[in-house]
Each structure stands twice: as C-alpha cells, then as structure tokens.
N, C-alpha and C. Protein backbone atom coordinates (compact mmCIF):
# COMPACT_ATOMS: atom_id res chain seq x y z
N MET A 1 2.11 0.83 -31.54
CA MET A 1 3.51 1.06 -30.83
C MET A 1 3.76 -0.13 -30.04
N PHE A 2 2.79 -0.39 -28.89
CA PHE A 2 2.94 -1.41 -28.03
C PHE A 2 1.77 -2.23 -28.24
N SER A 3 2.04 -3.58 -28.79
CA SER A 3 1.00 -4.50 -29.11
C SER A 3 0.98 -5.71 -28.19
N LYS A 4 2.23 -5.91 -27.47
CA LYS A 4 2.23 -6.97 -26.58
C LYS A 4 2.90 -6.42 -25.18
N ILE A 5 2.17 -6.59 -24.14
CA ILE A 5 2.58 -6.17 -22.85
C ILE A 5 2.79 -7.31 -21.87
N LEU A 6 3.99 -7.28 -21.30
CA LEU A 6 4.45 -8.28 -20.23
C LEU A 6 4.36 -7.72 -18.81
N VAL A 7 3.63 -8.40 -17.98
CA VAL A 7 3.53 -7.85 -16.60
C VAL A 7 3.76 -8.93 -15.56
N PRO A 8 5.21 -8.88 -15.10
CA PRO A 8 5.60 -9.74 -13.96
C PRO A 8 4.79 -9.42 -12.76
N VAL A 9 4.28 -10.32 -12.09
CA VAL A 9 3.57 -10.04 -10.83
C VAL A 9 4.07 -11.00 -9.76
N ASP A 10 3.88 -10.51 -8.48
CA ASP A 10 4.39 -11.29 -7.22
C ASP A 10 3.43 -11.13 -6.05
N GLY A 11 2.40 -10.45 -6.34
CA GLY A 11 1.42 -10.13 -5.25
C GLY A 11 1.69 -8.99 -4.42
N SER A 12 2.60 -8.28 -4.59
CA SER A 12 2.83 -7.01 -3.91
C SER A 12 2.03 -5.84 -4.30
N ASP A 13 1.85 -4.83 -3.61
CA ASP A 13 1.05 -3.77 -3.92
C ASP A 13 1.66 -3.18 -5.24
N ASN A 14 3.00 -3.02 -5.49
CA ASN A 14 3.61 -2.48 -6.70
C ASN A 14 3.24 -3.30 -7.80
N SER A 15 3.13 -4.61 -7.80
CA SER A 15 2.91 -5.35 -8.94
C SER A 15 1.42 -5.25 -9.15
N HIS A 16 0.44 -5.07 -8.27
CA HIS A 16 -0.97 -4.87 -8.58
C HIS A 16 -1.02 -3.59 -9.35
N ARG A 17 -0.36 -2.44 -8.81
CA ARG A 17 -0.35 -1.21 -9.54
C ARG A 17 0.13 -1.33 -10.99
N ALA A 18 1.24 -2.16 -11.18
CA ALA A 18 1.72 -2.41 -12.43
C ALA A 18 0.65 -3.00 -13.43
N LEU A 19 -0.09 -4.09 -12.91
CA LEU A 19 -1.17 -4.59 -13.70
C LEU A 19 -2.19 -3.72 -14.06
N ASP A 20 -2.59 -2.77 -13.12
CA ASP A 20 -3.45 -1.70 -13.43
C ASP A 20 -3.03 -0.93 -14.58
N ALA A 21 -1.89 -0.40 -14.55
CA ALA A 21 -1.23 0.29 -15.51
C ALA A 21 -1.27 -0.36 -16.97
N ALA A 22 -0.77 -1.57 -16.90
CA ALA A 22 -0.78 -2.40 -18.08
C ALA A 22 -2.27 -2.53 -18.78
N LEU A 23 -3.13 -2.62 -17.78
CA LEU A 23 -4.57 -2.86 -18.27
C LEU A 23 -5.07 -1.55 -18.92
N LEU A 24 -4.68 -0.47 -18.38
CA LEU A 24 -5.06 0.86 -18.82
C LEU A 24 -4.46 1.02 -20.21
N LEU A 25 -3.12 0.73 -20.42
CA LEU A 25 -2.49 0.81 -21.72
C LEU A 25 -3.28 -0.24 -22.76
N SER A 26 -3.60 -1.31 -22.30
CA SER A 26 -4.21 -2.18 -23.08
C SER A 26 -5.58 -1.70 -23.64
N GLU A 27 -6.38 -1.01 -22.67
CA GLU A 27 -7.63 -0.44 -23.05
C GLU A 27 -7.33 0.72 -24.11
N LYS A 28 -6.29 1.37 -24.00
CA LYS A 28 -6.06 2.66 -24.80
C LYS A 28 -5.47 2.11 -26.17
N LEU A 29 -4.68 1.16 -26.15
CA LEU A 29 -3.88 0.76 -27.37
C LEU A 29 -4.26 -0.51 -28.06
N GLY A 30 -5.18 -1.19 -27.32
CA GLY A 30 -5.66 -2.52 -27.90
C GLY A 30 -4.59 -3.55 -27.76
N ALA A 31 -3.67 -3.35 -26.85
CA ALA A 31 -2.52 -4.39 -26.68
C ALA A 31 -3.00 -5.60 -26.01
N LYS A 32 -2.33 -6.71 -26.26
CA LYS A 32 -2.38 -8.09 -25.45
C LYS A 32 -1.65 -7.91 -24.20
N VAL A 33 -2.12 -8.27 -23.20
CA VAL A 33 -1.39 -8.32 -21.86
C VAL A 33 -1.28 -9.84 -21.44
N THR A 34 0.05 -10.11 -21.02
CA THR A 34 0.33 -11.44 -20.53
C THR A 34 0.93 -11.08 -19.13
N THR A 35 0.34 -11.74 -18.13
CA THR A 35 0.76 -11.68 -16.60
C THR A 35 1.56 -12.95 -16.45
N ILE A 36 2.79 -12.79 -15.94
CA ILE A 36 3.66 -13.99 -15.53
C ILE A 36 3.96 -13.80 -14.07
N HIS A 37 4.15 -15.01 -13.43
CA HIS A 37 4.65 -15.10 -12.12
C HIS A 37 5.81 -16.01 -12.14
N VAL A 38 6.86 -15.78 -11.64
CA VAL A 38 7.95 -16.61 -11.60
C VAL A 38 8.39 -17.21 -10.16
N MET A 39 8.13 -18.43 -10.14
CA MET A 39 8.37 -19.11 -8.81
C MET A 39 9.89 -19.14 -8.66
N GLU A 40 10.35 -18.61 -7.54
CA GLU A 40 11.90 -18.69 -7.16
C GLU A 40 12.17 -20.03 -6.83
N ASP A 41 13.31 -20.50 -7.22
CA ASP A 41 13.87 -21.74 -6.68
C ASP A 41 14.02 -21.81 -5.31
N ILE A 42 13.49 -22.82 -4.61
CA ILE A 42 13.49 -23.00 -3.18
C ILE A 42 14.83 -23.78 -2.80
N PRO A 43 15.64 -23.19 -1.81
CA PRO A 43 16.86 -23.86 -1.38
C PRO A 43 16.44 -25.12 -0.56
N VAL A 44 16.87 -26.28 -1.28
CA VAL A 44 16.49 -27.57 -0.69
C VAL A 44 17.46 -28.33 0.06
N LEU A 45 18.57 -27.67 0.42
CA LEU A 45 19.48 -28.29 1.23
C LEU A 45 18.98 -28.68 2.55
N HIS A 46 18.18 -27.86 3.07
CA HIS A 46 17.74 -28.08 4.54
C HIS A 46 16.38 -28.92 4.66
N ILE A 47 15.84 -29.38 3.45
CA ILE A 47 14.68 -30.31 3.55
C ILE A 47 15.11 -31.68 3.10
N GLN A 48 15.11 -32.49 4.22
CA GLN A 48 15.61 -33.73 3.96
C GLN A 48 14.65 -34.71 3.45
N SER A 49 13.25 -34.50 3.77
CA SER A 49 12.26 -35.50 3.35
C SER A 49 11.68 -35.10 1.92
N GLU A 50 11.66 -35.98 1.12
CA GLU A 50 11.10 -35.81 -0.37
C GLU A 50 9.64 -35.39 -0.15
N LYS A 51 8.78 -36.26 0.70
CA LYS A 51 7.46 -35.82 0.90
C LYS A 51 7.26 -34.43 1.40
N LEU A 52 8.01 -33.95 2.28
CA LEU A 52 7.86 -32.56 2.67
C LEU A 52 8.15 -31.65 1.57
N LEU A 53 9.29 -31.98 0.86
CA LEU A 53 9.64 -30.96 -0.41
C LEU A 53 8.56 -31.00 -1.25
N ARG A 54 7.93 -32.14 -1.71
CA ARG A 54 6.86 -32.09 -2.61
C ARG A 54 5.62 -31.30 -2.09
N GLU A 55 5.44 -31.38 -0.79
CA GLU A 55 4.29 -30.64 -0.09
C GLU A 55 4.59 -29.22 -0.20
N VAL A 56 5.84 -28.75 -0.07
CA VAL A 56 6.19 -27.34 0.00
C VAL A 56 6.02 -26.82 -1.49
N LEU A 57 6.52 -27.53 -2.39
CA LEU A 57 6.43 -27.14 -3.82
C LEU A 57 5.05 -27.04 -4.34
N ASP A 58 4.15 -28.04 -3.87
CA ASP A 58 2.86 -28.13 -4.32
C ASP A 58 2.04 -26.82 -3.76
N ALA A 59 2.38 -26.60 -2.49
CA ALA A 59 1.73 -25.34 -1.88
C ALA A 59 2.16 -24.05 -2.52
N TYR A 60 3.46 -24.05 -2.86
CA TYR A 60 3.95 -22.67 -3.62
C TYR A 60 3.38 -22.72 -5.00
N LYS A 61 3.24 -23.75 -5.67
CA LYS A 61 2.66 -23.72 -6.96
C LYS A 61 1.15 -23.24 -6.90
N LYS A 62 0.36 -23.84 -5.93
CA LYS A 62 -0.96 -23.50 -5.86
C LYS A 62 -1.03 -21.97 -5.40
N GLU A 63 -0.35 -21.44 -4.68
CA GLU A 63 -0.33 -20.15 -4.26
C GLU A 63 -0.02 -19.23 -5.62
N SER A 64 0.83 -19.62 -6.24
CA SER A 64 1.34 -18.97 -7.48
C SER A 64 0.24 -18.89 -8.52
N GLN A 65 -0.38 -19.99 -8.59
CA GLN A 65 -1.55 -20.12 -9.65
C GLN A 65 -2.72 -19.30 -9.15
N LEU A 66 -2.87 -19.19 -7.99
CA LEU A 66 -4.00 -18.43 -7.28
C LEU A 66 -3.72 -16.92 -7.57
N LEU A 67 -2.58 -16.42 -7.58
CA LEU A 67 -2.16 -15.03 -7.91
C LEU A 67 -2.50 -14.74 -9.32
N LEU A 68 -2.14 -15.66 -10.19
CA LEU A 68 -2.51 -15.33 -11.71
C LEU A 68 -3.91 -15.47 -11.84
N SER A 69 -4.73 -16.21 -11.28
CA SER A 69 -6.06 -16.34 -11.35
C SER A 69 -6.74 -14.98 -10.83
N LYS A 70 -6.19 -14.45 -9.82
CA LYS A 70 -6.62 -13.07 -9.35
C LYS A 70 -6.42 -12.04 -10.30
N CYS A 71 -5.18 -12.13 -11.09
CA CYS A 71 -4.82 -11.17 -12.08
C CYS A 71 -6.00 -11.14 -13.26
N SER A 72 -6.24 -12.54 -13.57
CA SER A 72 -7.28 -12.72 -14.67
C SER A 72 -8.70 -12.20 -14.16
N GLU A 73 -9.04 -12.31 -12.98
CA GLU A 73 -10.25 -11.70 -12.53
C GLU A 73 -10.27 -10.26 -12.50
N ILE A 74 -9.23 -9.61 -12.22
CA ILE A 74 -9.12 -8.05 -12.15
C ILE A 74 -9.34 -7.73 -13.70
N ALA A 75 -8.69 -8.32 -14.60
CA ALA A 75 -8.85 -7.96 -15.97
C ALA A 75 -10.30 -8.08 -16.55
N THR A 76 -10.90 -9.33 -16.15
CA THR A 76 -12.24 -9.62 -16.47
C THR A 76 -13.11 -8.60 -16.03
N ARG A 77 -13.07 -8.09 -14.79
CA ARG A 77 -13.86 -7.00 -14.26
C ARG A 77 -13.90 -5.75 -15.12
N ARG A 78 -12.71 -5.46 -15.68
CA ARG A 78 -12.58 -4.42 -16.63
C ARG A 78 -12.96 -4.68 -18.05
N GLY A 79 -13.36 -5.82 -18.33
CA GLY A 79 -13.80 -6.27 -19.64
C GLY A 79 -12.70 -6.65 -20.53
N LEU A 80 -11.48 -7.08 -20.02
CA LEU A 80 -10.38 -7.54 -20.85
C LEU A 80 -10.06 -8.87 -20.39
N LEU A 81 -9.48 -9.50 -21.52
CA LEU A 81 -8.86 -10.97 -21.30
C LEU A 81 -7.43 -10.76 -21.27
N ILE A 82 -6.79 -11.50 -20.34
CA ILE A 82 -5.19 -11.42 -20.33
C ILE A 82 -4.84 -13.02 -20.46
N ASN A 83 -3.57 -13.14 -20.82
CA ASN A 83 -2.98 -14.44 -20.70
C ASN A 83 -2.15 -14.48 -19.42
N THR A 84 -2.08 -15.64 -18.94
CA THR A 84 -1.14 -15.77 -17.73
C THR A 84 -0.21 -17.09 -17.92
N LYS A 85 0.82 -16.91 -17.20
CA LYS A 85 1.93 -17.96 -17.36
C LYS A 85 2.69 -18.08 -16.15
N LEU A 86 2.84 -19.27 -15.66
CA LEU A 86 3.69 -19.62 -14.43
C LEU A 86 5.03 -20.17 -14.97
N LEU A 87 6.00 -19.54 -14.42
CA LEU A 87 7.41 -19.96 -14.67
C LEU A 87 8.32 -20.16 -13.56
N GLN A 88 9.29 -20.82 -13.65
CA GLN A 88 10.21 -20.99 -12.57
C GLN A 88 11.65 -20.76 -12.74
N GLY A 89 12.30 -20.37 -11.80
CA GLY A 89 13.83 -19.99 -11.98
C GLY A 89 14.22 -18.65 -11.33
N ASN A 90 15.33 -18.24 -11.73
CA ASN A 90 15.87 -16.90 -11.26
C ASN A 90 14.92 -15.95 -11.79
N VAL A 91 14.34 -15.09 -10.90
CA VAL A 91 13.22 -14.11 -11.33
C VAL A 91 13.65 -13.22 -12.34
N GLY A 92 14.61 -12.49 -12.15
CA GLY A 92 15.13 -11.52 -13.21
C GLY A 92 15.42 -12.10 -14.68
N SER A 93 16.26 -13.15 -14.54
CA SER A 93 16.61 -13.78 -15.77
C SER A 93 15.50 -14.52 -16.54
N THR A 94 14.63 -15.02 -15.82
CA THR A 94 13.47 -15.70 -16.39
C THR A 94 12.53 -14.69 -17.07
N ILE A 95 12.42 -13.51 -16.46
CA ILE A 95 11.57 -12.50 -16.99
C ILE A 95 12.18 -12.08 -18.31
N LEU A 96 13.30 -11.72 -18.31
CA LEU A 96 14.12 -11.28 -19.46
C LEU A 96 14.08 -12.27 -20.63
N ASP A 97 14.33 -13.52 -20.19
CA ASP A 97 14.38 -14.78 -21.26
C ASP A 97 13.02 -14.75 -21.86
N PHE A 98 11.97 -14.77 -21.11
CA PHE A 98 10.60 -15.02 -21.59
C PHE A 98 10.19 -13.90 -22.37
N CYS A 99 10.47 -12.59 -22.17
CA CYS A 99 10.26 -11.41 -22.85
C CYS A 99 10.85 -11.51 -24.19
N GLU A 100 12.11 -11.87 -24.21
CA GLU A 100 12.82 -11.86 -25.46
C GLU A 100 12.43 -12.98 -26.51
N LYS A 101 12.10 -14.09 -25.82
CA LYS A 101 11.70 -15.28 -26.54
C LYS A 101 10.19 -14.94 -27.26
N GLU A 102 9.45 -14.51 -26.44
CA GLU A 102 8.03 -14.11 -26.93
C GLU A 102 7.81 -12.90 -27.61
N LYS A 103 8.96 -12.08 -27.77
CA LYS A 103 8.97 -10.86 -28.38
C LYS A 103 7.88 -9.74 -27.86
N TYR A 104 7.85 -9.37 -26.73
CA TYR A 104 6.98 -8.46 -26.01
C TYR A 104 7.58 -7.15 -26.44
N ASP A 105 6.89 -6.09 -26.54
CA ASP A 105 7.05 -4.82 -26.86
C ASP A 105 7.45 -3.78 -25.63
N ILE A 106 6.95 -4.16 -24.48
CA ILE A 106 7.12 -3.45 -23.18
C ILE A 106 6.88 -4.40 -22.03
N ILE A 107 7.73 -4.15 -20.88
CA ILE A 107 7.48 -4.76 -19.70
C ILE A 107 6.93 -3.80 -18.75
N VAL A 108 5.84 -4.02 -18.01
CA VAL A 108 5.30 -3.04 -17.06
C VAL A 108 5.52 -3.85 -15.69
N MET A 109 6.28 -3.28 -14.87
CA MET A 109 6.33 -3.98 -13.55
C MET A 109 6.47 -3.03 -12.27
N GLY A 110 6.39 -3.73 -11.17
CA GLY A 110 6.50 -2.90 -9.95
C GLY A 110 7.93 -2.58 -9.56
N SER A 111 8.14 -1.60 -8.85
CA SER A 111 9.53 -1.04 -8.51
C SER A 111 10.14 -2.09 -7.47
N ARG A 112 9.31 -2.59 -6.63
CA ARG A 112 9.79 -3.52 -5.52
C ARG A 112 8.79 -4.57 -5.42
N GLY A 113 9.10 -5.68 -5.06
CA GLY A 113 8.27 -6.84 -4.82
C GLY A 113 8.36 -7.63 -3.54
N MET A 114 8.17 -8.72 -3.56
CA MET A 114 8.08 -9.64 -2.38
C MET A 114 9.02 -10.71 -2.40
N GLY A 115 10.35 -10.48 -2.89
CA GLY A 115 11.30 -11.43 -3.02
C GLY A 115 11.69 -11.95 -1.66
N LYS A 116 12.40 -13.13 -1.62
CA LYS A 116 12.62 -13.78 -0.41
C LYS A 116 13.64 -13.10 0.37
N PHE A 117 14.53 -12.18 -0.10
CA PHE A 117 15.48 -11.37 0.81
C PHE A 117 15.12 -9.90 0.67
N LYS A 118 13.89 -9.48 0.71
CA LYS A 118 13.34 -8.14 0.43
C LYS A 118 14.21 -7.22 1.10
N GLU A 119 14.53 -7.15 2.33
CA GLU A 119 15.32 -6.33 3.06
C GLU A 119 16.71 -6.08 2.64
N LEU A 120 17.23 -7.15 2.04
CA LEU A 120 18.71 -7.14 1.58
C LEU A 120 18.87 -6.57 0.21
N ILE A 121 18.12 -7.02 -0.72
CA ILE A 121 18.21 -6.60 -2.21
C ILE A 121 16.85 -6.12 -2.76
N LEU A 122 16.39 -5.14 -1.99
CA LEU A 122 15.22 -4.33 -2.37
C LEU A 122 15.14 -3.79 -3.77
N GLY A 123 14.30 -4.21 -4.57
CA GLY A 123 14.26 -3.68 -5.99
C GLY A 123 15.26 -4.33 -6.91
N SER A 124 15.92 -5.34 -6.53
CA SER A 124 16.92 -5.99 -7.33
C SER A 124 16.43 -6.58 -8.71
N VAL A 125 15.24 -7.15 -8.62
CA VAL A 125 14.68 -7.66 -9.85
C VAL A 125 14.28 -6.63 -10.89
N SER A 126 13.45 -5.54 -10.45
CA SER A 126 13.26 -4.54 -11.32
C SER A 126 14.61 -3.85 -11.86
N SER A 127 15.60 -3.77 -11.03
CA SER A 127 16.83 -3.07 -11.52
C SER A 127 17.50 -4.03 -12.56
N LYS A 128 17.49 -5.16 -12.37
CA LYS A 128 17.96 -6.16 -13.23
C LYS A 128 17.21 -6.14 -14.67
N VAL A 129 16.01 -5.98 -14.60
CA VAL A 129 15.15 -6.03 -15.90
C VAL A 129 15.49 -4.69 -16.46
N VAL A 130 15.44 -3.60 -15.75
CA VAL A 130 15.54 -2.28 -16.48
C VAL A 130 17.03 -2.25 -17.17
N HIS A 131 17.95 -2.74 -16.54
CA HIS A 131 19.36 -2.70 -17.14
C HIS A 131 19.62 -3.77 -18.16
N HIS A 132 18.80 -4.76 -18.33
CA HIS A 132 19.22 -5.73 -19.36
C HIS A 132 18.22 -5.95 -20.16
N SER A 133 17.10 -5.56 -20.30
CA SER A 133 15.92 -5.59 -21.16
C SER A 133 16.19 -4.93 -22.54
N ARG A 134 15.88 -5.61 -23.57
CA ARG A 134 16.04 -5.03 -24.85
C ARG A 134 14.79 -4.25 -25.35
N CYS A 135 13.74 -4.25 -24.50
CA CYS A 135 12.55 -3.50 -24.82
C CYS A 135 12.34 -2.41 -23.75
N PRO A 136 11.46 -1.52 -23.90
CA PRO A 136 11.26 -0.49 -22.84
C PRO A 136 10.62 -1.26 -21.57
N VAL A 137 10.97 -0.65 -20.46
CA VAL A 137 10.42 -1.06 -19.26
C VAL A 137 9.86 0.13 -18.47
N LEU A 138 8.52 -0.08 -18.10
CA LEU A 138 7.73 0.90 -17.21
C LEU A 138 7.85 0.44 -15.89
N VAL A 139 8.44 1.17 -15.07
CA VAL A 139 8.55 0.77 -13.61
C VAL A 139 7.53 1.52 -12.81
N ILE A 140 6.57 0.82 -12.03
CA ILE A 140 5.52 1.43 -11.37
C ILE A 140 5.75 1.53 -9.85
N ARG A 141 5.52 2.58 -9.25
CA ARG A 141 5.76 2.63 -7.72
C ARG A 141 4.37 2.60 -7.07
C-alpha cells in the first residue's frame, strides 16, 4: 500500500516523532523513506553586505544538512537506510511539489514545527499540506 514515504523535518520534537512513525511504517511495510528539509527563503532586504549574506546562507545550509544527517543516524541505529534531500523555497509548496513530482504514497509530518513566525501561524505548513496533498498525510503530534 505505502511503498514510498516522505517525511519533512525541521528539527522540532513533532518532526522527530514523525520520523519515528515513518521508520516504524518502513519496518512493518518495507517502504522506502525519504526525509526532506526545506530551507525557508531568507528575507534579504535588510542584509546589505554580500559577504554577510553568504555567511548567513552557508551557516543555514550547514545547519540544515546536519539535521538531515541526524535523521540518517537515527534510521541507521534502527537498521534502516533512508534517503535525504535538502530543498529551498516556500516550505508547504515545496513539500507538495516534491511529493507529487517524486510520486510518494504518503507524507508523515509533525503537526507543528519551528517556522520563522511560529507564534503567528502555528501549524500553517502541516495545514497547507493536509489540504492540498494528493496523497494521504499522517500528521503526528
């Protein structure tokens, strides 16, 4: 039924629980798991220095890659191999586009994450994915 599982992660507790749930499904169903992290676009209007902008983007990318490496380590400890992918753009739209393009059977994601405006739009990414996905979405709290 589910042979390809997509797990968007952002480092939040909910996304870690989503990864655990996806790994459990993988163990039971023999499904392949791909973990993605979407780097949100940084508002650059207030960064006047090109050098500073590059440093900020490099640090952000390094942190994002570290997050995906940790996900791989968690899977490896359970005897599983997962794919990881670093993407950039609007988080909800990028998740939906990647899922459709790569033909995933299910998305497993946390109910709330660590977005830049967490207090204002709590759960907006998971809400967008649930409402616009063409495949089932399992939301983990």
